Amino acid sequence: RIEGRGTHFILKPDKAGEVIVIVSVKGQVITKRSFGARRIPDPVVKLSRSAGGEMGSGEFKAQRGLYATHDNFDYDVSCRVTGFVITRADKNGAQQFSFNEGAAFTTTSLELIQRVMPKDIYTFTEVEVKCPGEETTRTVNSLAFHIK
């Protein structure tokens, strides 16, 4: 897919692989170039600055959602979190769940987070993200936090 007009165009390949760009004016080929197109790599989803581990209850309660980042990618790309499941397991093993739509915590998820106690374990699973130019979401890393 090509977007633009005049002398400025953006090429958006449908799939990864070799892309051949042919520039022509009035049917005469000016130049022909081959480029490699890659899929945007999976982002890493984080809560605060962490992808899991130990976290204090106060810091945990202060969070407002998950975000996706590409720490080691050459291009400025913003994939967005579209949903996830949050699970609270208390020190006795009792579990509570909340499905969260979007990156920001919903009211139900915030209520679950506000119940945080030391020794709880919170997991964020089935994390879905959508990257630019893609029609579908993809599942990325899960997170687990042990509350201090």
Protein backbone atom coordinates (compact mmCIF):
# COMPACT_ATOMS: atom_id res chain seq x y z
CA ARG A 1 0.00 0.00 0.00
CA ILE A 2 1.34 3.43 -0.92
CA GLU A 3 0.08 6.69 0.58
CA GLY A 4 0.91 10.24 -0.38
CA ARG A 5 0.90 12.60 -3.32
CA GLY A 6 3.17 14.83 -5.31
CA THR A 7 6.76 13.81 -4.59
CA HIS A 8 6.29 12.37 -1.07
CA PHE A 9 4.99 8.85 -0.58
CA ILE A 10 4.94 6.32 2.26
CA LEU A 11 5.16 2.63 1.45
CA LYS A 12 3.32 0.32 3.86
CA PRO A 13 4.05 -3.33 2.95
CA ASP A 14 1.34 -5.93 3.66
CA LYS A 15 3.83 -8.53 4.86
CA ALA A 16 7.48 -9.06 5.74
CA GLY A 17 9.94 -9.91 2.98
CA GLU A 18 11.46 -8.31 -0.07
CA VAL A 19 9.76 -5.19 -1.41
CA ILE A 20 10.65 -3.83 -4.84
CA VAL A 21 9.95 -0.15 -5.42
CA ILE A 22 9.82 1.06 -9.01
CA VAL A 23 9.72 4.80 -9.67
CA SER A 24 8.43 5.75 -13.11
CA VAL A 25 7.37 8.94 -14.84
CA LYS A 26 4.95 8.70 -17.75
CA GLY A 27 5.69 4.98 -18.12
CA GLN A 28 9.48 5.34 -18.13
CA VAL A 29 11.32 3.64 -15.23
CA ILE A 30 13.54 6.13 -13.40
CA THR A 31 14.84 3.81 -10.70
CA LYS A 32 14.19 0.40 -9.19
CA ARG A 33 15.20 -0.54 -5.64
CA SER A 34 14.79 -3.57 -3.42
CA PHE A 35 14.18 -3.23 0.33
CA GLY A 36 13.71 -5.71 3.15
CA ALA A 37 10.46 -5.23 5.09
CA ARG A 38 10.29 -6.58 8.63
CA ARG A 39 7.42 -7.07 11.03
CA ILE A 40 7.56 -4.77 14.04
CA PRO A 41 9.00 -6.91 16.85
CA ASP A 42 6.88 -7.67 19.90
CA PRO A 43 7.00 -4.87 22.45
CA VAL A 44 7.67 -5.53 26.13
CA VAL A 45 4.71 -4.67 28.33
CA LYS A 46 5.50 -3.07 31.69
CA LEU A 47 3.86 -1.78 34.84
CA SER A 48 5.74 1.30 36.03
CA ARG A 49 9.32 0.55 34.90
CA SER A 50 9.06 -3.15 35.62
CA ALA A 51 8.19 -6.28 33.67
CA GLY A 52 7.70 -8.20 36.93
CA GLY A 53 9.32 -9.05 40.27
CA GLU A 54 8.88 -7.49 43.68
CA MET A 55 7.02 -4.23 44.21
CA GLY A 56 5.90 -2.35 47.29
CA SER A 57 2.17 -2.10 47.91
CA GLY A 58 2.21 1.71 47.77
CA GLU A 59 3.98 1.79 44.41
CA PHE A 60 1.67 -0.94 43.11
CA LYS A 61 -1.48 0.97 44.16
CA ALA A 62 -0.19 4.13 42.46
CA GLN A 63 -0.11 2.54 38.99
CA ARG A 64 -2.82 3.37 36.48
CA GLY A 65 -2.21 0.82 33.73
CA LEU A 66 0.16 -1.13 31.51
CA TYR A 67 2.16 0.22 28.61
CA ALA A 68 4.07 -1.30 25.70
CA THR A 69 7.64 -0.28 24.88
CA HIS A 70 10.34 -1.13 22.33
CA ASP A 71 13.54 -0.62 24.34
CA ASN A 72 15.97 -1.86 21.69
CA PHE A 73 14.34 -1.02 18.37
CA ASP A 74 15.75 1.47 15.87
CA TYR A 75 12.44 3.15 15.04
CA ASP A 76 10.00 5.16 17.11
CA VAL A 77 6.99 2.83 17.20
CA SER A 78 4.06 2.97 19.58
CA CYS A 79 2.14 -0.25 20.04
CA ARG A 80 -0.80 0.05 22.40
CA VAL A 81 -2.15 -2.36 24.99
CA THR A 82 -5.71 -3.35 24.08
CA GLY A 83 -6.53 -5.65 27.00
CA PHE A 84 -5.37 -8.18 29.59
CA VAL A 85 -6.48 -10.32 32.52
CA ILE A 86 -5.35 -9.32 36.02
CA THR A 87 -5.34 -11.94 38.78
CA ARG A 88 -4.82 -11.40 42.51
CA ALA A 89 -3.73 -14.39 44.59
CA ASP A 90 -3.72 -13.61 48.30
CA LYS A 91 -1.39 -15.25 50.85
CA ASN A 92 -3.97 -18.04 51.38
CA GLY A 93 -4.15 -18.82 47.66
CA ALA A 94 -7.63 -17.37 47.05
CA GLN A 95 -7.82 -15.83 43.58
CA GLN A 96 -9.80 -12.98 42.08
CA PHE A 97 -9.83 -12.02 38.38
CA SER A 98 -10.65 -9.00 36.26
CA PHE A 99 -10.66 -8.66 32.48
CA ASN A 100 -9.33 -5.23 31.58
CA GLU A 101 -10.11 -3.64 28.23
CA GLY A 102 -7.48 -1.11 27.13
CA ALA A 103 -4.20 -0.10 28.78
CA ALA A 104 -5.60 1.98 31.65
CA PHE A 105 -7.02 0.09 34.62
CA THR A 106 -10.81 -0.09 34.60
CA THR A 107 -12.86 0.53 37.74
CA THR A 108 -13.08 -3.22 38.41
CA SER A 109 -9.32 -3.68 38.01
CA LEU A 110 -8.58 -0.66 40.24
CA GLU A 111 -10.82 -2.14 42.95
CA LEU A 112 -8.83 -5.38 42.73
CA ILE A 113 -5.54 -3.48 42.96
CA GLN A 114 -6.72 -1.44 45.97
CA ARG A 115 -7.12 -4.73 47.92
CA VAL A 116 -3.36 -5.27 47.72
CA MET A 117 -1.69 -6.73 50.82
CA PRO A 118 1.89 -7.84 51.48
CA LYS A 119 2.57 -11.36 50.15
CA ASP A 120 -0.12 -11.05 47.44
CA ILE A 121 0.82 -12.08 43.93
CA TYR A 122 -0.64 -10.17 41.00
CA THR A 123 -0.35 -11.47 37.45
CA PHE A 124 -1.18 -9.80 34.17
CA THR A 125 -1.82 -12.45 31.49
CA GLU A 126 -3.34 -12.68 28.02
CA VAL A 127 -1.83 -9.25 27.34
CA GLU A 128 -2.87 -8.09 23.87
CA VAL A 129 -1.28 -5.24 21.91
CA LYS A 130 -1.93 -3.61 18.55
CA CYS A 131 0.97 -2.20 16.56
CA PRO A 132 0.77 0.43 13.80
CA GLY A 133 -0.33 -0.85 10.41
CA GLU A 134 -1.60 -4.17 11.73
CA GLU A 135 -5.21 -5.31 11.51
CA THR A 136 -5.09 -7.78 14.40
CA THR A 137 -3.78 -7.81 17.95
CA ARG A 138 -0.98 -10.03 19.20
CA THR A 139 -0.38 -11.63 22.57
CA VAL A 140 2.83 -10.57 24.32
CA ASN A 141 4.60 -11.12 27.63
CA SER A 142 2.82 -11.76 30.91
CA LEU A 143 3.84 -10.03 34.14
CA ALA A 144 3.91 -11.28 37.74
CA PHE A 145 4.44 -9.16 40.85
CA HIS A 146 5.12 -10.31 44.41
CA ILE A 147 3.94 -7.56 46.76
CA LYS A 148 6.28 -6.57 49.60
